[in-house]
Amino acid sequence: MNTVGRARGALGELRAEQYVSERGCEILARNYTIPGAEIDLIAMDGNVIAFIEVKLRTTARTGLGRESVTPAKQKRICRAALHYLTKNGLMNRQARFDVIEIQGERVTYIENAFAYQGPAF
């Protein structure tokens, strides 16, 4: 990804963070990274930890953001989520995987966009 794309992505993630905060969620982490995987936002939504992938689209030409969260990407996100939960002693917490699509001013929040994929908790 080029510099312009990274900057645009960072702005999208900031907008998503604001949106999640306005919904009453507490941001726990931003751009949580392990080798080979990253989670854009991690938030506490009530008693649930939400692992959130943010997808910014400038046009609908390339399809919906959720469509780019492929099964392979889902597995990487799940691996990073398992690492985060383990590292922070949160394995007993309920978790879900969400996607936020941003296109122009429209923000679409998809709770439970996909199920956990990986080794058993």
N, C-alpha and C. Protein backbone atom coordinates (compact mmCIF):
# COMPACT_ATOMS: atom_id res chain seq x y z
N MET A 1 0.84 -1.17 0.00
CA MET A 1 0.00 0.00 0.00
C MET A 1 0.89 1.24 0.00
N ASN A 2 0.51 2.23 -0.79
CA ASN A 2 1.32 3.44 -0.87
C ASN A 2 1.00 4.38 0.30
N THR A 3 1.76 5.47 0.36
CA THR A 3 1.62 6.43 1.47
C THR A 3 0.23 7.04 1.51
N VAL A 4 -0.33 7.39 0.35
CA VAL A 4 -1.68 7.97 0.30
C VAL A 4 -2.71 6.96 0.81
N GLY A 5 -2.56 5.71 0.40
CA GLY A 5 -3.47 4.66 0.85
C GLY A 5 -3.40 4.44 2.36
N ARG A 6 -2.18 4.47 2.90
CA ARG A 6 -2.02 4.30 4.35
C ARG A 6 -2.65 5.47 5.11
N ALA A 7 -2.43 6.68 4.60
CA ALA A 7 -3.00 7.87 5.25
C ALA A 7 -4.52 7.82 5.20
N ARG A 8 -5.08 7.42 4.07
CA ARG A 8 -6.54 7.30 3.94
C ARG A 8 -7.05 6.23 4.90
N GLY A 9 -6.33 5.11 4.98
CA GLY A 9 -6.73 4.04 5.89
C GLY A 9 -6.70 4.50 7.34
N ALA A 10 -5.68 5.27 7.70
CA ALA A 10 -5.58 5.80 9.07
C ALA A 10 -6.75 6.72 9.39
N LEU A 11 -7.14 7.54 8.41
CA LEU A 11 -8.31 8.41 8.62
C LEU A 11 -9.58 7.59 8.79
N GLY A 12 -9.71 6.53 8.02
CA GLY A 12 -10.86 5.64 8.15
C GLY A 12 -10.90 4.99 9.52
N GLU A 13 -9.75 4.56 10.01
CA GLU A 13 -9.70 3.94 11.33
C GLU A 13 -10.03 4.94 12.42
N LEU A 14 -9.60 6.19 12.25
CA LEU A 14 -9.94 7.23 13.22
C LEU A 14 -11.45 7.48 13.23
N ARG A 15 -12.05 7.54 12.06
CA ARG A 15 -13.51 7.72 11.98
C ARG A 15 -14.23 6.54 12.63
N ALA A 16 -13.75 5.34 12.38
CA ALA A 16 -14.34 4.14 12.98
C ALA A 16 -14.21 4.18 14.50
N GLU A 17 -13.05 4.61 14.98
CA GLU A 17 -12.84 4.71 16.43
C GLU A 17 -13.83 5.71 17.05
N GLN A 18 -14.01 6.85 16.40
CA GLN A 18 -14.98 7.83 16.89
C GLN A 18 -16.38 7.23 16.92
N TYR A 19 -16.73 6.53 15.87
CA TYR A 19 -18.06 5.91 15.77
C TYR A 19 -18.28 4.91 16.90
N VAL A 20 -17.29 4.06 17.13
CA VAL A 20 -17.39 3.05 18.19
C VAL A 20 -17.48 3.72 19.56
N SER A 21 -16.68 4.76 19.78
CA SER A 21 -16.72 5.49 21.05
C SER A 21 -18.08 6.14 21.27
N GLU A 22 -18.64 6.71 20.21
CA GLU A 22 -19.97 7.33 20.31
C GLU A 22 -21.05 6.31 20.67
N ARG A 23 -20.83 5.06 20.31
CA ARG A 23 -21.77 3.98 20.66
C ARG A 23 -21.60 3.54 22.12
N GLY A 24 -20.63 4.12 22.82
CA GLY A 24 -20.42 3.79 24.22
C GLY A 24 -19.37 2.74 24.49
N CYS A 25 -18.61 2.37 23.48
CA CYS A 25 -17.57 1.37 23.65
C CYS A 25 -16.28 2.02 24.12
N GLU A 26 -15.50 1.25 24.87
CA GLU A 26 -14.19 1.70 25.32
C GLU A 26 -13.13 1.09 24.41
N ILE A 27 -12.27 1.93 23.85
CA ILE A 27 -11.20 1.44 22.99
C ILE A 27 -10.11 0.83 23.86
N LEU A 28 -9.78 -0.42 23.62
CA LEU A 28 -8.73 -1.12 24.37
C LEU A 28 -7.39 -1.09 23.63
N ALA A 29 -7.44 -1.13 22.30
CA ALA A 29 -6.20 -1.14 21.51
C ALA A 29 -6.50 -0.70 20.09
N ARG A 30 -5.46 -0.13 19.47
CA ARG A 30 -5.51 0.29 18.07
C ARG A 30 -4.37 -0.41 17.35
N ASN A 31 -4.65 -0.89 16.16
CA ASN A 31 -3.63 -1.53 15.33
C ASN A 31 -2.81 -2.55 16.11
N TYR A 32 -3.50 -3.47 16.77
CA TYR A 32 -2.83 -4.53 17.52
C TYR A 32 -2.20 -5.49 16.52
N THR A 33 -0.89 -5.64 16.61
CA THR A 33 -0.14 -6.38 15.60
C THR A 33 0.67 -7.51 16.22
N ILE A 34 0.60 -8.66 15.55
CA ILE A 34 1.51 -9.77 15.81
C ILE A 34 2.10 -10.13 14.44
N PRO A 35 3.16 -10.91 14.38
CA PRO A 35 3.71 -11.26 13.07
C PRO A 35 2.65 -11.88 12.16
N GLY A 36 2.42 -11.23 11.02
CA GLY A 36 1.49 -11.75 10.03
C GLY A 36 0.03 -11.41 10.24
N ALA A 37 -0.29 -10.60 11.24
CA ALA A 37 -1.70 -10.28 11.49
C ALA A 37 -1.85 -8.96 12.23
N GLU A 38 -2.96 -8.29 11.96
CA GLU A 38 -3.25 -7.03 12.65
C GLU A 38 -4.76 -6.92 12.86
N ILE A 39 -5.12 -6.32 13.99
CA ILE A 39 -6.51 -5.99 14.28
C ILE A 39 -6.58 -4.46 14.35
N ASP A 40 -7.47 -3.87 13.56
CA ASP A 40 -7.54 -2.41 13.50
C ASP A 40 -7.95 -1.80 14.84
N LEU A 41 -9.02 -2.29 15.43
CA LEU A 41 -9.50 -1.78 16.71
C LEU A 41 -9.94 -2.93 17.60
N ILE A 42 -9.68 -2.78 18.89
CA ILE A 42 -10.21 -3.71 19.89
C ILE A 42 -10.96 -2.84 20.88
N ALA A 43 -12.23 -3.18 21.12
CA ALA A 43 -13.06 -2.35 21.97
C ALA A 43 -13.86 -3.20 22.94
N MET A 44 -14.17 -2.62 24.09
CA MET A 44 -15.05 -3.27 25.07
C MET A 44 -16.45 -2.72 24.84
N ASP A 45 -17.36 -3.58 24.48
CA ASP A 45 -18.76 -3.22 24.25
C ASP A 45 -19.59 -3.92 25.32
N GLY A 46 -19.83 -3.21 26.41
CA GLY A 46 -20.47 -3.85 27.56
C GLY A 46 -19.51 -4.86 28.14
N ASN A 47 -19.91 -6.13 28.13
CA ASN A 47 -19.05 -7.21 28.64
C ASN A 47 -18.36 -7.99 27.53
N VAL A 48 -18.50 -7.52 26.31
CA VAL A 48 -17.97 -8.23 25.15
C VAL A 48 -16.77 -7.49 24.57
N ILE A 49 -15.73 -8.24 24.24
CA ILE A 49 -14.58 -7.65 23.56
C ILE A 49 -14.82 -7.78 22.06
N ALA A 50 -14.83 -6.64 21.38
CA ALA A 50 -15.06 -6.61 19.94
C ALA A 50 -13.73 -6.40 19.21
N PHE A 51 -13.41 -7.33 18.33
CA PHE A 51 -12.24 -7.22 17.47
C PHE A 51 -12.78 -6.69 16.14
N ILE A 52 -12.33 -5.50 15.75
CA ILE A 52 -12.97 -4.77 14.66
C ILE A 52 -12.01 -4.56 13.49
N GLU A 53 -12.44 -5.00 12.33
CA GLU A 53 -11.73 -4.75 11.08
C GLU A 53 -12.41 -3.56 10.40
N VAL A 54 -11.61 -2.56 10.00
CA VAL A 54 -12.15 -1.36 9.38
C VAL A 54 -11.85 -1.40 7.89
N LYS A 55 -12.87 -1.16 7.08
CA LYS A 55 -12.72 -1.15 5.63
C LYS A 55 -13.25 0.16 5.08
N LEU A 56 -12.37 0.92 4.46
CA LEU A 56 -12.71 2.21 3.87
C LEU A 56 -12.81 2.04 2.36
N ARG A 57 -13.88 2.55 1.79
CA ARG A 57 -14.08 2.51 0.34
C ARG A 57 -14.37 3.93 -0.14
N THR A 58 -13.69 4.34 -1.19
CA THR A 58 -13.98 5.65 -1.77
C THR A 58 -15.12 5.54 -2.78
N THR A 59 -15.28 4.35 -3.38
CA THR A 59 -16.40 4.11 -4.30
C THR A 59 -16.91 2.69 -4.09
N ALA A 60 -18.09 2.42 -4.61
CA ALA A 60 -18.65 1.07 -4.52
C ALA A 60 -18.11 0.17 -5.63
N ARG A 61 -17.29 0.74 -6.50
CA ARG A 61 -16.75 0.01 -7.65
C ARG A 61 -16.01 -1.26 -7.24
N THR A 62 -15.31 -1.21 -6.12
CA THR A 62 -14.51 -2.36 -5.69
C THR A 62 -15.29 -3.30 -4.78
N GLY A 63 -16.57 -3.05 -4.60
CA GLY A 63 -17.40 -3.91 -3.77
C GLY A 63 -17.49 -3.42 -2.34
N LEU A 64 -18.22 -4.15 -1.55
CA LEU A 64 -18.40 -3.81 -0.14
C LEU A 64 -17.13 -4.15 0.64
N GLY A 65 -16.88 -3.37 1.68
CA GLY A 65 -15.72 -3.62 2.52
C GLY A 65 -15.73 -5.01 3.12
N ARG A 66 -16.89 -5.46 3.55
CA ARG A 66 -16.99 -6.78 4.20
C ARG A 66 -16.56 -7.90 3.26
N GLU A 67 -16.72 -7.68 1.95
CA GLU A 67 -16.34 -8.71 0.99
C GLU A 67 -14.83 -8.91 0.93
N SER A 68 -14.07 -7.91 1.36
CA SER A 68 -12.61 -8.04 1.33
C SER A 68 -12.05 -8.69 2.60
N VAL A 69 -12.93 -9.00 3.54
CA VAL A 69 -12.49 -9.72 4.75
C VAL A 69 -12.65 -11.21 4.45
N THR A 70 -11.68 -11.71 3.72
CA THR A 70 -11.71 -13.08 3.22
C THR A 70 -11.53 -14.09 4.36
N PRO A 71 -11.83 -15.35 4.09
CA PRO A 71 -11.58 -16.37 5.12
C PRO A 71 -10.12 -16.38 5.59
N ALA A 72 -9.18 -16.16 4.71
CA ALA A 72 -7.76 -16.12 5.13
C ALA A 72 -7.52 -14.94 6.07
N LYS A 73 -8.08 -13.78 5.76
CA LYS A 73 -7.93 -12.60 6.62
C LYS A 73 -8.63 -12.85 7.96
N GLN A 74 -9.79 -13.48 7.92
CA GLN A 74 -10.50 -13.80 9.15
C GLN A 74 -9.65 -14.68 10.06
N LYS A 75 -8.98 -15.65 9.50
CA LYS A 75 -8.11 -16.53 10.30
C LYS A 75 -6.96 -15.75 10.93
N ARG A 76 -6.38 -14.81 10.17
CA ARG A 76 -5.29 -13.99 10.72
C ARG A 76 -5.81 -13.12 11.87
N ILE A 77 -6.97 -12.52 11.68
CA ILE A 77 -7.56 -11.69 12.74
C ILE A 77 -7.83 -12.54 13.97
N CYS A 78 -8.36 -13.73 13.77
CA CYS A 78 -8.66 -14.62 14.90
C CYS A 78 -7.38 -15.03 15.64
N ARG A 79 -6.31 -15.26 14.89
CA ARG A 79 -5.03 -15.62 15.52
C ARG A 79 -4.53 -14.46 16.38
N ALA A 80 -4.64 -13.24 15.86
CA ALA A 80 -4.23 -12.07 16.64
C ALA A 80 -5.13 -11.87 17.85
N ALA A 81 -6.43 -12.13 17.69
CA ALA A 81 -7.37 -12.00 18.81
C ALA A 81 -7.04 -12.99 19.91
N LEU A 82 -6.75 -14.23 19.54
CA LEU A 82 -6.38 -15.24 20.53
C LEU A 82 -5.11 -14.81 21.27
N HIS A 83 -4.15 -14.25 20.55
CA HIS A 83 -2.93 -13.75 21.17
C HIS A 83 -3.25 -12.64 22.16
N TYR A 84 -4.09 -11.69 21.75
CA TYR A 84 -4.46 -10.56 22.61
C TYR A 84 -5.16 -11.06 23.89
N LEU A 85 -6.13 -11.95 23.73
CA LEU A 85 -6.86 -12.46 24.88
C LEU A 85 -5.93 -13.21 25.84
N THR A 86 -5.05 -14.02 25.30
CA THR A 86 -4.11 -14.79 26.12
C THR A 86 -3.14 -13.86 26.85
N LYS A 87 -2.54 -12.95 26.11
CA LYS A 87 -1.55 -12.04 26.67
C LYS A 87 -2.13 -11.18 27.79
N ASN A 88 -3.41 -10.82 27.67
CA ASN A 88 -4.03 -9.92 28.63
C ASN A 88 -4.91 -10.62 29.67
N GLY A 89 -4.82 -11.94 29.74
CA GLY A 89 -5.58 -12.70 30.74
C GLY A 89 -7.08 -12.56 30.58
N LEU A 90 -7.54 -12.53 29.34
CA LEU A 90 -8.97 -12.30 29.07
C LEU A 90 -9.66 -13.49 28.41
N MET A 91 -9.08 -14.65 28.55
CA MET A 91 -9.65 -15.83 27.89
C MET A 91 -11.05 -16.17 28.37
N ASN A 92 -11.44 -15.69 29.53
CA ASN A 92 -12.77 -15.99 30.06
C ASN A 92 -13.82 -14.99 29.57
N ARG A 93 -13.42 -14.01 28.75
CA ARG A 93 -14.34 -12.98 28.27
C ARG A 93 -15.00 -13.41 26.96
N GLN A 94 -16.22 -12.96 26.78
CA GLN A 94 -16.92 -13.19 25.51
C GLN A 94 -16.31 -12.25 24.47
N ALA A 95 -16.17 -12.75 23.24
CA ALA A 95 -15.57 -11.95 22.16
C ALA A 95 -16.40 -12.10 20.90
N ARG A 96 -16.28 -11.10 20.04
CA ARG A 96 -16.92 -11.19 18.73
C ARG A 96 -16.04 -10.47 17.70
N PHE A 97 -16.34 -10.73 16.43
CA PHE A 97 -15.57 -10.18 15.33
C PHE A 97 -16.48 -9.33 14.46
N ASP A 98 -16.17 -8.05 14.40
CA ASP A 98 -17.01 -7.07 13.72
C ASP A 98 -16.26 -6.47 12.54
N VAL A 99 -17.01 -5.89 11.62
CA VAL A 99 -16.46 -5.13 10.51
C VAL A 99 -17.15 -3.79 10.47
N ILE A 100 -16.37 -2.73 10.26
CA ILE A 100 -16.92 -1.41 10.02
C ILE A 100 -16.57 -1.02 8.59
N GLU A 101 -17.61 -0.73 7.82
CA GLU A 101 -17.43 -0.25 6.45
C GLU A 101 -17.66 1.26 6.44
N ILE A 102 -16.76 1.96 5.81
CA ILE A 102 -16.90 3.41 5.66
C ILE A 102 -16.82 3.74 4.19
N GLN A 103 -17.87 4.40 3.70
CA GLN A 103 -17.88 4.88 2.32
C GLN A 103 -18.45 6.29 2.35
N GLY A 104 -17.59 7.26 2.08
CA GLY A 104 -18.01 8.66 2.19
C GLY A 104 -18.36 8.95 3.64
N GLU A 105 -19.53 9.50 3.87
CA GLU A 105 -19.99 9.80 5.23
C GLU A 105 -20.72 8.63 5.87
N ARG A 106 -21.01 7.60 5.09
CA ARG A 106 -21.78 6.47 5.60
C ARG A 106 -20.88 5.48 6.34
N VAL A 107 -21.28 5.16 7.56
CA VAL A 107 -20.59 4.16 8.36
C VAL A 107 -21.57 3.01 8.61
N THR A 108 -21.16 1.81 8.26
CA THR A 108 -21.98 0.63 8.51
C THR A 108 -21.23 -0.27 9.48
N TYR A 109 -21.85 -0.54 10.62
CA TYR A 109 -21.24 -1.38 11.66
C TYR A 109 -21.89 -2.75 11.60
N ILE A 110 -21.07 -3.77 11.35
CA ILE A 110 -21.58 -5.14 11.24
C ILE A 110 -21.06 -5.94 12.42
N GLU A 111 -21.93 -6.13 13.42
CA GLU A 111 -21.55 -6.95 14.57
C GLU A 111 -21.60 -8.42 14.17
N ASN A 112 -20.71 -9.21 14.76
CA ASN A 112 -20.64 -10.64 14.46
C ASN A 112 -20.53 -10.88 12.96
N ALA A 113 -19.65 -10.15 12.32
CA ALA A 113 -19.47 -10.26 10.87
C ALA A 113 -18.96 -11.65 10.47
N PHE A 114 -18.20 -12.27 11.36
CA PHE A 114 -17.74 -13.63 11.12
C PHE A 114 -17.47 -14.31 12.45
N ALA A 115 -17.43 -15.63 12.41
CA ALA A 115 -17.22 -16.44 13.61
C ALA A 115 -15.73 -16.70 13.81
N TYR A 116 -15.35 -16.99 15.03
CA TYR A 116 -13.97 -17.34 15.36
C TYR A 116 -13.55 -18.56 14.55
N GLN A 117 -12.33 -18.50 14.02
CA GLN A 117 -11.75 -19.59 13.27
C GLN A 117 -10.36 -19.86 13.80
N GLY A 118 -10.16 -20.99 14.36
CA GLY A 118 -8.84 -21.32 14.88
C GLY A 118 -8.94 -22.34 15.99
N PRO A 119 -7.86 -22.50 16.74
CA PRO A 119 -7.87 -23.47 17.83
C PRO A 119 -8.90 -23.09 18.89
N ALA A 120 -9.38 -24.06 19.59
CA ALA A 120 -10.38 -23.83 20.63
C ALA A 120 -9.83 -22.89 21.70
N PHE A 121 -10.69 -22.05 22.24
CA PHE A 121 -10.30 -21.12 23.32
C PHE A 121 -9.98 -21.91 24.55
